[in-house]
């Protein structure tokens, strides 16, 4: 007798991120049978992890509960959307990122996706200089992550909120950043780059308060955390911050050496992602130019500050252009070119 033909099309069940499921099980230290919990067989969990079968919604809820993770963490469509937002952020496409997060939030996204959308919206708004709005988005994201039990993500949002407050010159920035660091260190699933970034923000705030020794400690801790993790932008920013601490301590040679290293990393980043590195590289050139000028090395200072002025002319940040012009004005004064100054 002829066997019935199975209809083609999508397989039943929910399409999941098999790698995320396997990784979560290993991080929890559970066997296949442990995850099944006597309700699902070891073989069923194996089939789900290898993508040879798809779990039903109820099965996925049981698995997620055993692993202590939200269900949405394993739904492939949700993971793909979050990965897309992350890619926009890494490419510094902040206008596009803001548009996409607005679309996601309008589409009645799941709570986890809503949380990530608010988080990335906050990041985009901060980078676009809309810091009050950024703080509101980050607070919404943090509240959702706390409800979902994703403490690491909630702490990271608190750290980003501290960064926005820092740029606004708010005194509570340091308190928020310290709380973020404490919470992040106590959360499972910590990522060195995130902890290093929180430490960097703390170092920057302390440096602005002239607490250079404490700031330097934060920067050095951040560098140790990064270790083998190569993120040019993070490394450059930390070296740049350290240069300011060395300058305050009177170690001008050390400060210039650190600034040149930061500029080299910014330059590589500028080749990979020009928009991303343009402003930080300009700031580093300006700072080095000022140091050279203070040591009477006016010809070298002029060369580096002219380079900074050329970069700043294409920057959207008006304050950056003002800083470079002010530095050039001081240089012209020292050169005896008062009219140009």
C-alpha atoms as a PDB file:
ATOM      1  CA  UNK A   1       0.000   0.000   0.000  1.00  0.00           C
ATOM      2  CA  UNK A   2       1.296   3.430  -0.903  1.00  0.00           C
ATOM      3  CA  UNK A   3       2.485   5.471   2.079  1.00  0.00           C
ATOM      4  CA  UNK A   4       0.741   8.809   2.606  1.00  0.00           C
ATOM      5  CA  UNK A   5       2.757  11.755   1.392  1.00  0.00           C
ATOM      6  CA  UNK A   6       3.779  14.085   4.208  1.00  0.00           C
ATOM      7  CA  UNK A   7       2.909  17.683   3.294  1.00  0.00           C
ATOM      8  CA  UNK A   8       5.855  19.916   2.567  1.00  0.00           C
ATOM      9  CA  UNK A   9       6.434  23.264   4.244  1.00  0.00           C
ATOM     10  CA  UNK A  10       7.591  24.470   7.620  1.00  0.00           C
ATOM     11  CA  UNK A  11       8.134  21.783  10.219  1.00  0.00           C
ATOM     12  CA  UNK A  12       5.825  21.959  13.254  1.00  0.00           C
ATOM     13  CA  UNK A  13       7.144  23.591  16.397  1.00  0.00           C
ATOM     14  CA  UNK A  14       9.126  26.754  17.122  1.00  0.00           C
ATOM     15  CA  UNK A  15      12.339  27.487  15.230  1.00  0.00           C
ATOM     16  CA  UNK A  16      14.988  27.959  17.896  1.00  0.00           C
ATOM     17  CA  UNK A  17      18.592  29.063  18.194  1.00  0.00           C
ATOM     18  CA  UNK A  18      20.154  25.640  18.778  1.00  0.00           C
ATOM     19  CA  UNK A  19      23.573  27.069  19.668  1.00  0.00           C
ATOM     20  CA  UNK A  20      21.991  29.323  22.329  1.00  0.00           C
ATOM     21  CA  UNK A  21      20.139  26.338  23.820  1.00  0.00           C
ATOM     22  CA  UNK A  22      23.269  24.194  23.949  1.00  0.00           C
ATOM     23  CA  UNK A  23      25.334  27.059  25.391  1.00  0.00           C
ATOM     24  CA  UNK A  24      22.742  27.784  28.095  1.00  0.00           C
ATOM     25  CA  UNK A  25      22.637  24.117  29.135  1.00  0.00           C
ATOM     26  CA  UNK A  26      26.425  23.940  29.438  1.00  0.00           C
ATOM     27  CA  UNK A  27      26.584  27.211  31.367  1.00  0.00           C
ATOM     28  CA  UNK A  28      23.971  25.816  33.763  1.00  0.00           C
ATOM     29  CA  UNK A  29      26.035  22.623  34.143  1.00  0.00           C
ATOM     30  CA  UNK A  30      23.075  20.380  33.278  1.00  0.00           C
ATOM     31  CA  UNK A  31      22.919  17.147  31.293  1.00  0.00           C
ATOM     32  CA  UNK A  32      20.393  16.479  28.537  1.00  0.00           C
ATOM     33  CA  UNK A  33      18.359  14.412  30.994  1.00  0.00           C
ATOM     34  CA  UNK A  34      18.523  17.180  33.619  1.00  0.00           C
ATOM     35  CA  UNK A  35      17.029  19.661  31.170  1.00  0.00           C
ATOM     36  CA  UNK A  36      14.255  17.212  30.299  1.00  0.00           C
ATOM     37  CA  UNK A  37      13.429  17.013  33.989  1.00  0.00           C
ATOM     38  CA  UNK A  38      11.520  13.752  33.622  1.00  0.00           C
ATOM     39  CA  UNK A  39       8.965  15.403  31.345  1.00  0.00           C
ATOM     40  CA  UNK A  40      10.978  15.455  28.121  1.00  0.00           C
ATOM     41  CA  UNK A  41      13.370  12.651  27.215  1.00  0.00           C
ATOM     42  CA  UNK A  42      17.124  13.009  26.870  1.00  0.00           C
ATOM     43  CA  UNK A  43      16.722  12.128  23.177  1.00  0.00           C
ATOM     44  CA  UNK A  44      14.162  14.907  22.673  1.00  0.00           C
ATOM     45  CA  UNK A  45      16.521  17.527  24.114  1.00  0.00           C
ATOM     46  CA  UNK A  46      19.312  16.193  21.898  1.00  0.00           C
ATOM     47  CA  UNK A  47      17.090  16.510  18.813  1.00  0.00           C
ATOM     48  CA  UNK A  48      16.210  20.095  19.755  1.00  0.00           C
ATOM     49  CA  UNK A  49      19.875  21.021  20.297  1.00  0.00           C
ATOM     50  CA  UNK A  50      20.923  19.544  16.955  1.00  0.00           C
ATOM     51  CA  UNK A  51      18.058  21.154  15.039  1.00  0.00           C
ATOM     52  CA  UNK A  52      16.614  17.796  13.968  1.00  0.00           C
ATOM     53  CA  UNK A  53      13.332  18.574  15.728  1.00  0.00           C
ATOM     54  CA  UNK A  54      11.544  21.697  16.932  1.00  0.00           C
ATOM     55  CA  UNK A  55       9.998  22.013  20.393  1.00  0.00           C
ATOM     56  CA  UNK A  56       6.400  23.016  20.934  1.00  0.00           C
ATOM     57  CA  UNK A  57       5.747  26.224  22.859  1.00  0.00           C
ATOM     58  CA  UNK A  58       5.032  24.223  26.023  1.00  0.00           C
ATOM     59  CA  UNK A  59       8.204  22.145  25.638  1.00  0.00           C
ATOM     60  CA  UNK A  60      10.280  25.273  25.122  1.00  0.00           C
ATOM     61  CA  UNK A  61       8.730  26.860  28.216  1.00  0.00           C
ATOM     62  CA  UNK A  62       9.657  23.773  30.265  1.00  0.00           C
ATOM     63  CA  UNK A  63      13.240  23.836  28.941  1.00  0.00           C
ATOM     64  CA  UNK A  64      13.622  27.565  29.587  1.00  0.00           C
ATOM     65  CA  UNK A  65      12.311  27.151  33.145  1.00  0.00           C
ATOM     66  CA  UNK A  66      14.844  24.366  33.818  1.00  0.00           C
ATOM     67  CA  UNK A  67      17.650  26.570  32.499  1.00  0.00           C
ATOM     68  CA  UNK A  68      16.435  29.676  34.317  1.00  0.00           C
ATOM     69  CA  UNK A  69      16.316  31.655  31.072  1.00  0.00           C
ATOM     70  CA  UNK A  70      13.512  33.548  29.297  1.00  0.00           C
ATOM     71  CA  UNK A  71      11.817  31.655  26.475  1.00  0.00           C
ATOM     72  CA  UNK A  72      12.542  34.439  23.977  1.00  0.00           C
ATOM     73  CA  UNK A  73      16.274  33.866  24.413  1.00  0.00           C
ATOM     74  CA  UNK A  74      15.943  30.686  22.359  1.00  0.00           C
ATOM     75  CA  UNK A  75      13.479  31.868  19.688  1.00  0.00           C
ATOM     76  CA  UNK A  76      15.492  32.298  16.505  1.00  0.00           C
ATOM     77  CA  UNK A  77      13.529  35.246  15.123  1.00  0.00           C
ATOM     78  CA  UNK A  78      14.052  37.226  18.342  1.00  0.00           C
ATOM     79  CA  UNK A  79      17.768  36.407  18.406  1.00  0.00           C
ATOM     80  CA  UNK A  80      18.147  37.417  14.768  1.00  0.00           C
ATOM     81  CA  UNK A  81      16.439  40.770  15.398  1.00  0.00           C
ATOM     82  CA  UNK A  82      18.663  41.524  18.401  1.00  0.00           C
ATOM     83  CA  UNK A  83      21.741  40.546  16.372  1.00  0.00           C
ATOM     84  CA  UNK A  84      20.627  42.959  13.650  1.00  0.00           C
ATOM     85  CA  UNK A  85      20.318  45.804  16.167  1.00  0.00           C
ATOM     86  CA  UNK A  86      23.785  44.983  17.517  1.00  0.00           C
ATOM     87  CA  UNK A  87      25.255  45.070  14.014  1.00  0.00           C
ATOM     88  CA  UNK A  88      23.773  48.535  13.416  1.00  0.00           C
ATOM     89  CA  UNK A  89      25.258  49.697  16.718  1.00  0.00           C
ATOM     90  CA  UNK A  90      28.700  48.303  15.866  1.00  0.00           C
ATOM     91  CA  UNK A  91      28.524  50.036  12.484  1.00  0.00           C
ATOM     92  CA  UNK A  92      27.584  53.301  14.242  1.00  0.00           C
ATOM     93  CA  UNK A  93      24.484  53.604  12.037  1.00  0.00           C
ATOM     94  CA  UNK A  94      22.636  55.381  14.838  1.00  0.00           C
ATOM     95  CA  UNK A  95      19.905  57.074  12.786  1.00  0.00           C
ATOM     96  CA  UNK A  96      19.008  53.735  11.169  1.00  0.00           C
ATOM     97  CA  UNK A  97      19.218  52.010  14.538  1.00  0.00           C
ATOM     98  CA  UNK A  98      16.777  54.482  16.062  1.00  0.00           C
ATOM     99  CA  UNK A  99      14.334  53.983  13.186  1.00  0.00           C
ATOM    100  CA  UNK A 100      14.554  50.193  13.492  1.00  0.00           C
ATOM    101  CA  UNK A 101      13.986  50.178  17.253  1.00  0.00           C
ATOM    102  CA  UNK A 102      10.908  52.375  16.782  1.00  0.00           C
ATOM    103  CA  UNK A 103       9.554  49.864  14.251  1.00  0.00           C
ATOM    104  CA  UNK A 104      10.241  46.931  16.578  1.00  0.00           C
ATOM    105  CA  UNK A 105       8.432  48.633  19.454  1.00  0.00           C
ATOM    106  CA  UNK A 106       5.429  49.435  17.233  1.00  0.00           C
ATOM    107  CA  UNK A 107       5.120  45.800  16.177  1.00  0.00           C
ATOM    108  CA  UNK A 108       4.035  44.568  19.631  1.00  0.00           C
ATOM    109  CA  UNK A 109       7.340  42.812  20.243  1.00  0.00           C
ATOM    110  CA  UNK A 110       7.786  40.265  23.033  1.00  0.00           C
ATOM    111  CA  UNK A 111       8.933  41.688  26.404  1.00  0.00           C
ATOM    112  CA  UNK A 112      12.537  40.576  25.835  1.00  0.00           C
ATOM    113  CA  UNK A 113      12.690  42.128  22.380  1.00  0.00           C
ATOM    114  CA  UNK A 114      11.086  45.302  23.754  1.00  0.00           C
ATOM    115  CA  UNK A 115      13.797  45.467  26.410  1.00  0.00           C
ATOM    116  CA  UNK A 116      16.578  45.163  23.830  1.00  0.00           C
ATOM    117  CA  UNK A 117      14.887  47.671  21.524  1.00  0.00           C
ATOM    118  CA  UNK A 118      14.724  50.244  24.336  1.00  0.00           C
ATOM    119  CA  UNK A 119      18.353  49.483  25.203  1.00  0.00           C
ATOM    120  CA  UNK A 120      19.560  50.068  21.632  1.00  0.00           C
ATOM    121  CA  UNK A 121      17.324  53.127  21.254  1.00  0.00           C
ATOM    122  CA  UNK A 122      18.972  54.549  24.375  1.00  0.00           C
ATOM    123  CA  UNK A 123      22.411  53.842  22.943  1.00  0.00           C
ATOM    124  CA  UNK A 124      21.515  55.532  19.642  1.00  0.00           C
ATOM    125  CA  UNK A 125      19.981  58.559  21.357  1.00  0.00           C
ATOM    126  CA  UNK A 126      23.074  58.969  23.550  1.00  0.00           C
ATOM    127  CA  UNK A 127      25.376  58.885  20.527  1.00  0.00           C
ATOM    128  CA  UNK A 128      23.156  61.394  18.705  1.00  0.00           C
ATOM    129  CA  UNK A 129      23.387  63.792  21.638  1.00  0.00           C
ATOM    130  CA  UNK A 130      19.742  63.355  22.729  1.00  0.00           C
ATOM    131  CA  UNK A 131      20.767  62.375  26.233  1.00  0.00           C
ATOM    132  CA  UNK A 132      17.589  63.092  28.224  1.00  0.00           C
ATOM    133  CA  UNK A 133      15.646  60.846  25.842  1.00  0.00           C
ATOM    134  CA  UNK A 134      18.446  58.271  26.036  1.00  0.00           C
ATOM    135  CA  UNK A 135      18.159  58.105  29.825  1.00  0.00           C
ATOM    136  CA  UNK A 136      14.399  57.511  29.613  1.00  0.00           C
ATOM    137  CA  UNK A 137      14.833  54.682  27.058  1.00  0.00           C
ATOM    138  CA  UNK A 138      17.594  53.059  29.114  1.00  0.00           C
ATOM    139  CA  UNK A 139      15.453  53.185  32.254  1.00  0.00           C
ATOM    140  CA  UNK A 140      12.595  51.472  30.420  1.00  0.00           C
ATOM    141  CA  UNK A 141      14.987  48.807  29.190  1.00  0.00           C
ATOM    142  CA  UNK A 142      16.403  48.305  32.679  1.00  0.00           C
ATOM    143  CA  UNK A 143      12.961  47.851  34.225  1.00  0.00           C
ATOM    144  CA  UNK A 144      12.038  45.233  31.611  1.00  0.00           C
ATOM    145  CA  UNK A 145      15.324  43.356  32.036  1.00  0.00           C
ATOM    146  CA  UNK A 146      14.795  43.314  35.808  1.00  0.00           C
ATOM    147  CA  UNK A 147      11.313  41.818  35.346  1.00  0.00           C
ATOM    148  CA  UNK A 148      12.793  39.210  32.981  1.00  0.00           C
ATOM    149  CA  UNK A 149      15.520  38.367  35.471  1.00  0.00           C
ATOM    150  CA  UNK A 150      18.324  39.389  33.081  1.00  0.00           C
ATOM    151  CA  UNK A 151      20.479  41.106  35.677  1.00  0.00           C
ATOM    152  CA  UNK A 152      23.597  41.522  33.515  1.00  0.00           C
ATOM    153  CA  UNK A 153      21.622  43.366  30.820  1.00  0.00           C
ATOM    154  CA  UNK A 154      19.885  45.502  33.473  1.00  0.00           C
ATOM    155  CA  UNK A 155      23.254  46.452  34.987  1.00  0.00           C
ATOM    156  CA  UNK A 156      24.645  47.303  31.558  1.00  0.00           C
ATOM    157  CA  UNK A 157      21.703  49.664  30.947  1.00  0.00           C
ATOM    158  CA  UNK A 158      22.438  51.309  34.288  1.00  0.00           C
ATOM    159  CA  UNK A 159      26.042  51.789  33.153  1.00  0.00           C
ATOM    160  CA  UNK A 160      24.896  53.378  29.895  1.00  0.00           C
ATOM    161  CA  UNK A 161      22.600  55.651  31.904  1.00  0.00           C
ATOM    162  CA  UNK A 162      25.630  56.685  33.968  1.00  0.00           C
ATOM    163  CA  UNK A 163      27.486  57.517  30.748  1.00  0.00           C
ATOM    164  CA  UNK A 164      24.642  59.762  29.553  1.00  0.00           C
ATOM    165  CA  UNK A 165      24.535  61.486  32.950  1.00  0.00           C
ATOM    166  CA  UNK A 166      28.306  61.951  32.768  1.00  0.00           C
ATOM    167  CA  UNK A 167      28.013  63.771  29.437  1.00  0.00           C
ATOM    168  CA  UNK A 168      25.265  65.950  30.923  1.00  0.00           C
ATOM    169  CA  UNK A 169      27.567  66.821  33.818  1.00  0.00           C
ATOM    170  CA  UNK A 170      25.182  65.395  36.415  1.00  0.00           C
ATOM    171  CA  UNK A 171      26.748  64.583  39.821  1.00  0.00           C
ATOM    172  CA  UNK A 172      24.710  61.364  40.159  1.00  0.00           C
ATOM    173  CA  UNK A 173      26.633  59.866  37.212  1.00  0.00           C
ATOM    174  CA  UNK A 174      29.321  58.397  39.474  1.00  0.00           C
ATOM    175  CA  UNK A 175      26.785  56.836  41.848  1.00  0.00           C
ATOM    176  CA  UNK A 176      24.913  55.223  38.935  1.00  0.00           C
ATOM    177  CA  UNK A 177      28.133  53.926  37.407  1.00  0.00           C
ATOM    178  CA  UNK A 178      29.350  52.461  40.700  1.00  0.00           C
ATOM    179  CA  UNK A 179      26.002  50.741  41.218  1.00  0.00           C
ATOM    180  CA  UNK A 180      26.141  49.407  37.641  1.00  0.00           C
ATOM    181  CA  UNK A 181      29.625  47.968  38.217  1.00  0.00           C
ATOM    182  CA  UNK A 182      28.625  46.305  41.497  1.00  0.00           C
ATOM    183  CA  UNK A 183      25.482  44.799  39.973  1.00  0.00           C
ATOM    184  CA  UNK A 184      27.271  43.672  36.815  1.00  0.00           C
ATOM    185  CA  UNK A 185      30.032  41.948  38.790  1.00  0.00           C
ATOM    186  CA  UNK A 186      27.390  40.011  40.736  1.00  0.00           C
ATOM    187  CA  UNK A 187      25.454  38.903  37.638  1.00  0.00           C
ATOM    188  CA  UNK A 188      25.897  35.632  35.743  1.00  0.00           C
ATOM    189  CA  UNK A 189      27.085  35.740  32.145  1.00  0.00           C
ATOM    190  CA  UNK A 190      29.460  38.700  32.554  1.00  0.00           C
ATOM    191  CA  UNK A 191      31.326  39.881  29.444  1.00  0.00           C
ATOM    192  CA  UNK A 192      34.801  41.464  29.939  1.00  0.00           C
ATOM    193  CA  UNK A 193      34.219  44.201  27.351  1.00  0.00           C
ATOM    194  CA  UNK A 194      31.074  45.438  29.124  1.00  0.00           C
ATOM    195  CA  UNK A 195      32.722  45.502  32.557  1.00  0.00           C
ATOM    196  CA  UNK A 196      35.743  47.290  31.050  1.00  0.00           C
ATOM    197  CA  UNK A 197      33.465  49.909  29.485  1.00  0.00           C
ATOM    198  CA  UNK A 198      31.756  50.610  32.812  1.00  0.00           C
ATOM    199  CA  UNK A 199      35.183  50.992  34.450  1.00  0.00           C
ATOM    200  CA  UNK A 200      36.265  53.340  31.668  1.00  0.00           C
ATOM    201  CA  UNK A 201      33.223  55.564  32.232  1.00  0.00           C
ATOM    202  CA  UNK A 202      33.958  55.603  35.971  1.00  0.00           C
ATOM    203  CA  UNK A 203      37.574  56.562  35.239  1.00  0.00           C
ATOM    204  CA  UNK A 204      36.442  59.414  32.987  1.00  0.00           C
ATOM    205  CA  UNK A 205      34.128  60.802  35.677  1.00  0.00           C
ATOM    206  CA  UNK A 206      36.835  60.554  38.349  1.00  0.00           C
ATOM    207  CA  UNK A 207      39.320  62.313  36.050  1.00  0.00           C
ATOM    208  CA  UNK A 208      36.847  65.166  35.578  1.00  0.00           C
ATOM    209  CA  UNK A 209      36.723  65.471  39.367  1.00  0.00           C
ATOM    210  CA  UNK A 210      40.544  65.644  39.385  1.00  0.00           C
ATOM    211  CA  UNK A 211      40.707  62.277  41.199  1.00  0.00           C
ATOM    212  CA  UNK A 212      43.399  61.163  38.785  1.00  0.00           C
ATOM    213  CA  UNK A 213      44.899  58.371  40.884  1.00  0.00           C
ATOM    214  CA  UNK A 214      41.533  56.638  41.288  1.00  0.00           C
ATOM    215  CA  UNK A 215      40.774  57.250  37.616  1.00  0.00           C
ATOM    216  CA  UNK A 216      44.052  55.648  36.578  1.00  0.00           C
ATOM    217  CA  UNK A 217      43.194  52.599  38.700  1.00  0.00           C
ATOM    218  CA  UNK A 218      39.874  52.235  36.839  1.00  0.00           C
ATOM    219  CA  UNK A 219      41.568  52.541  33.441  1.00  0.00           C
ATOM    220  CA  UNK A 220      44.235  49.954  34.346  1.00  0.00           C
ATOM    221  CA  UNK A 221      41.570  47.535  35.639  1.00  0.00           C
ATOM    222  CA  UNK A 222      39.703  47.998  32.357  1.00  0.00           C
ATOM    223  CA  UNK A 223      42.842  47.208  30.340  1.00  0.00           C
ATOM    224  CA  UNK A 224      43.460  44.055  32.381  1.00  0.00           C
ATOM    225  CA  UNK A 225      39.894  42.932  31.793  1.00  0.00           C
ATOM    226  CA  UNK A 226      40.159  43.348  28.038  1.00  0.00           C
ATOM    227  CA  UNK A 227      43.256  41.133  27.990  1.00  0.00           C
ATOM    228  CA  UNK A 228      43.121  39.052  24.826  1.00  0.00           C
ATOM    229  CA  UNK A 229      39.851  40.645  23.691  1.00  0.00           C
ATOM    230  CA  UNK A 230      40.830  42.989  20.871  1.00  0.00           C
ATOM    231  CA  UNK A 231      38.445  45.911  20.576  1.00  0.00           C
ATOM    232  CA  UNK A 232      40.379  48.785  19.044  1.00  0.00           C
ATOM    233  CA  UNK A 233      37.894  51.484  20.008  1.00  0.00           C
ATOM    234  CA  UNK A 234      37.711  50.423  23.667  1.00  0.00           C
ATOM    235  CA  UNK A 235      41.489  50.077  23.961  1.00  0.00           C
ATOM    236  CA  UNK A 236      42.051  53.485  22.335  1.00  0.00           C
ATOM    237  CA  UNK A 237      39.604  55.257  24.648  1.00  0.00           C
ATOM    238  CA  UNK A 238      41.178  53.733  27.749  1.00  0.00           C
ATOM    239  CA  UNK A 239      44.708  54.666  26.635  1.00  0.00           C
ATOM    240  CA  UNK A 240      43.440  58.175  25.887  1.00  0.00           C
ATOM    241  CA  UNK A 241      41.989  58.423  29.396  1.00  0.00           C
ATOM    242  CA  UNK A 242      45.216  57.129  30.929  1.00  0.00           C
ATOM    243  CA  UNK A 243      47.138  59.819  29.037  1.00  0.00           C
ATOM    244  CA  UNK A 244      45.100  62.479  30.841  1.00  0.00           C
ATOM    245  CA  UNK A 245      45.965  60.916  34.198  1.00  0.00           C
ATOM    246  CA  UNK A 246      49.676  60.775  33.318  1.00  0.00           C
ATOM    247  CA  UNK A 247      49.565  64.430  32.245  1.00  0.00           C
ATOM    248  CA  UNK A 248      47.957  65.437  35.532  1.00  0.00           C
ATOM    249  CA  UNK A 249      50.699  63.556  37.394  1.00  0.00           C
ATOM    250  CA  UNK A 250      53.331  65.567  35.525  1.00  0.00           C
ATOM    251  CA  UNK A 251      54.492  62.653  33.377  1.00  0.00           C
ATOM    252  CA  UNK A 252      54.281  64.474  30.040  1.00  0.00           C
ATOM    253  CA  UNK A 253      56.448  61.968  28.176  1.00  0.00           C
ATOM    254  CA  UNK A 254      54.256  59.091  29.384  1.00  0.00           C
ATOM    255  CA  UNK A 255      51.135  61.047  28.454  1.00  0.00           C
ATOM    256  CA  UNK A 256      52.397  61.678  24.917  1.00  0.00           C
ATOM    257  CA  UNK A 257      53.398  58.028  24.492  1.00  0.00           C
ATOM    258  CA  UNK A 258      49.911  56.889  25.526  1.00  0.00           C
ATOM    259  CA  UNK A 259      48.286  59.469  23.252  1.00  0.00           C
ATOM    260  CA  UNK A 260      50.313  58.270  20.255  1.00  0.00           C
ATOM    261  CA  UNK A 261      49.275  54.671  20.976  1.00  0.00           C
ATOM    262  CA  UNK A 262      45.631  55.734  21.251  1.00  0.00           C
ATOM    263  CA  UNK A 263      45.906  57.660  17.973  1.00  0.00           C
ATOM    264  CA  UNK A 264      47.397  54.617  16.218  1.00  0.00           C
ATOM    265  CA  UNK A 265      44.423  52.502  17.313  1.00  0.00           C
ATOM    266  CA  UNK A 266      41.947  55.248  16.393  1.00  0.00           C
ATOM    267  CA  UNK A 267      43.601  55.489  12.965  1.00  0.00           C
ATOM    268  CA  UNK A 268      43.110  51.772  12.316  1.00  0.00           C
ATOM    269  CA  UNK A 269      39.499  52.088  13.444  1.00  0.00           C
ATOM    270  CA  UNK A 270      39.139  55.103  11.139  1.00  0.00           C
ATOM    271  CA  UNK A 271      40.133  52.936   8.176  1.00  0.00           C
ATOM    272  CA  UNK A 272      37.603  50.275   9.152  1.00  0.00           C
ATOM    273  CA  UNK A 273      34.745  52.561  10.207  1.00  0.00           C
ATOM    274  CA  UNK A 274      35.540  56.193   9.366  1.00  0.00           C
ATOM    275  CA  UNK A 275      32.537  57.781  11.040  1.00  0.00           C
ATOM    276  CA  UNK A 276      33.163  55.865  14.270  1.00  0.00           C
ATOM    277  CA  UNK A 277      36.726  57.004  14.885  1.00  0.00           C
ATOM    278  CA  UNK A 278      36.735  60.521  13.428  1.00  0.00           C
ATOM    279  CA  UNK A 279      35.764  62.438  16.581  1.00  0.00           C
ATOM    280  CA  UNK A 280      37.898  60.420  19.073  1.00  0.00           C
ATOM    281  CA  UNK A 281      40.936  60.641  16.764  1.00  0.00           C
ATOM    282  CA  UNK A 282      40.431  64.409  16.443  1.00  0.00           C
ATOM    283  CA  UNK A 283      40.247  64.781  20.244  1.00  0.00           C
ATOM    284  CA  UNK A 284      43.443  62.743  20.675  1.00  0.00           C
ATOM    285  CA  UNK A 285      45.260  64.857  18.067  1.00  0.00           C
ATOM    286  CA  UNK A 286      44.097  68.035  19.786  1.00  0.00           C
ATOM    287  CA  UNK A 287      45.303  66.783  23.184  1.00  0.00           C
ATOM    288  CA  UNK A 288      48.698  65.782  21.775  1.00  0.00           C
ATOM    289  CA  UNK A 289      49.020  69.118  19.984  1.00  0.00           C
ATOM    290  CA  UNK A 290      48.380  70.971  23.249  1.00  0.00           C
ATOM    291  CA  UNK A 291      51.006  68.882  25.061  1.00  0.00           C
ATOM    292  CA  UNK A 292      53.591  69.563  22.358  1.00  0.00           C
ATOM    293  CA  UNK A 293      52.757  73.254  22.446  1.00  0.00           C
ATOM    294  CA  UNK A 294      53.204  73.406  26.231  1.00  0.00           C
ATOM    295  CA  UNK A 295      56.691  71.940  25.788  1.00  0.00           C
ATOM    296  CA  UNK A 296      57.602  74.574  23.219  1.00  0.00           C
ATOM    297  CA  UNK A 297      57.604  72.129  20.302  1.00  0.00           C
ATOM    298  CA  UNK A 298      55.541  74.516  18.211  1.00  0.00           C
ATOM    299  CA  UNK A 299      56.292  73.127  14.732  1.00  0.00           C
ATOM    300  CA  UNK A 300      55.211  69.614  15.767  1.00  0.00           C
ATOM    301  CA  UNK A 301      52.185  71.047  17.551  1.00  0.00           C
ATOM    302  CA  UNK A 302      51.160  72.979  14.415  1.00  0.00           C
ATOM    303  CA  UNK A 303      51.351  69.875  12.232  1.00  0.00           C
ATOM    304  CA  UNK A 304      49.176  67.779  14.544  1.00  0.00           C
ATOM    305  CA  UNK A 305      46.662  70.572  15.253  1.00  0.00           C
ATOM    306  CA  UNK A 306      46.228  71.335  11.549  1.00  0.00           C
ATOM    307  CA  UNK A 307      45.431  67.649  11.051  1.00  0.00           C
ATOM    308  CA  UNK A 308      42.915  67.885  13.886  1.00  0.00           C
ATOM    309  CA  UNK A 309      41.347  70.992  12.321  1.00  0.00           C
ATOM    310  CA  UNK A 310      40.901  69.199   8.991  1.00  0.00           C
ATOM    311  CA  UNK A 311      39.181  66.281  10.692  1.00  0.00           C
ATOM    312  CA  UNK A 312      37.056  68.579  12.859  1.00  0.00           C
ATOM    313  CA  UNK A 313      35.810  70.475   9.804  1.00  0.00           C
ATOM    314  CA  UNK A 314      33.885  67.333   8.813  1.00  0.00           C
ATOM    315  CA  UNK A 315      32.599  66.612  12.307  1.00  0.00           C
ATOM    316  CA  UNK A 316      29.003  67.263  13.335  1.00  0.00           C
ATOM    317  CA  UNK A 317      30.067  68.031  16.925  1.00  0.00           C
ATOM    318  CA  UNK A 318      30.412  71.831  17.103  1.00  0.00           C
ATOM    319  CA  UNK A 319      32.165  71.656  20.485  1.00  0.00           C
ATOM    320  CA  UNK A 320      34.954  69.584  18.944  1.00  0.00           C
ATOM    321  CA  UNK A 321      35.545  72.218  16.265  1.00  0.00           C
ATOM    322  CA  UNK A 322      35.605  74.938  18.940  1.00  0.00           C
ATOM    323  CA  UNK A 323      38.197  73.065  21.032  1.00  0.00           C
ATOM    324  CA  UNK A 324      40.525  72.608  18.065  1.00  0.00           C
ATOM    325  CA  UNK A 325      40.159  76.249  16.968  1.00  0.00           C
ATOM    326  CA  UNK A 326      40.890  77.392  20.523  1.00  0.00           C
ATOM    327  CA  UNK A 327      44.037  75.244  20.616  1.00  0.00           C
ATOM    328  CA  UNK A 328      45.177  76.685  17.271  1.00  0.00           C
ATOM    329  CA  UNK A 329      44.470  80.189  18.556  1.00  0.00           C
ATOM    330  CA  UNK A 330      46.744  79.587  21.542  1.00  0.00           C
ATOM    331  CA  UNK A 331      49.414  78.149  19.238  1.00  0.00           C
ATOM    332  CA  UNK A 332      49.299  81.221  16.968  1.00  0.00           C
ATOM    333  CA  UNK A 333      49.647  83.433  20.048  1.00  0.00           C
ATOM    334  CA  UNK A 334      52.775  81.538  21.110  1.00  0.00           C
ATOM    335  CA  UNK A 335      54.123  81.822  17.556  1.00  0.00           C
ATOM    336  CA  UNK A 336      53.701  85.602  17.717  1.00  0.00           C
ATOM    337  CA  UNK A 337      51.008  85.551  14.998  1.00  0.00           C
ATOM    338  CA  UNK A 338      48.502  87.619  16.992  1.00  0.00           C
ATOM    339  CA  UNK A 339      46.219  88.585  14.102  1.00  0.00           C
ATOM    340  CA  UNK A 340      45.702  84.933  13.143  1.00  0.00           C
ATOM    341  CA  UNK A 341      45.241  84.037  16.810  1.00  0.00           C
END
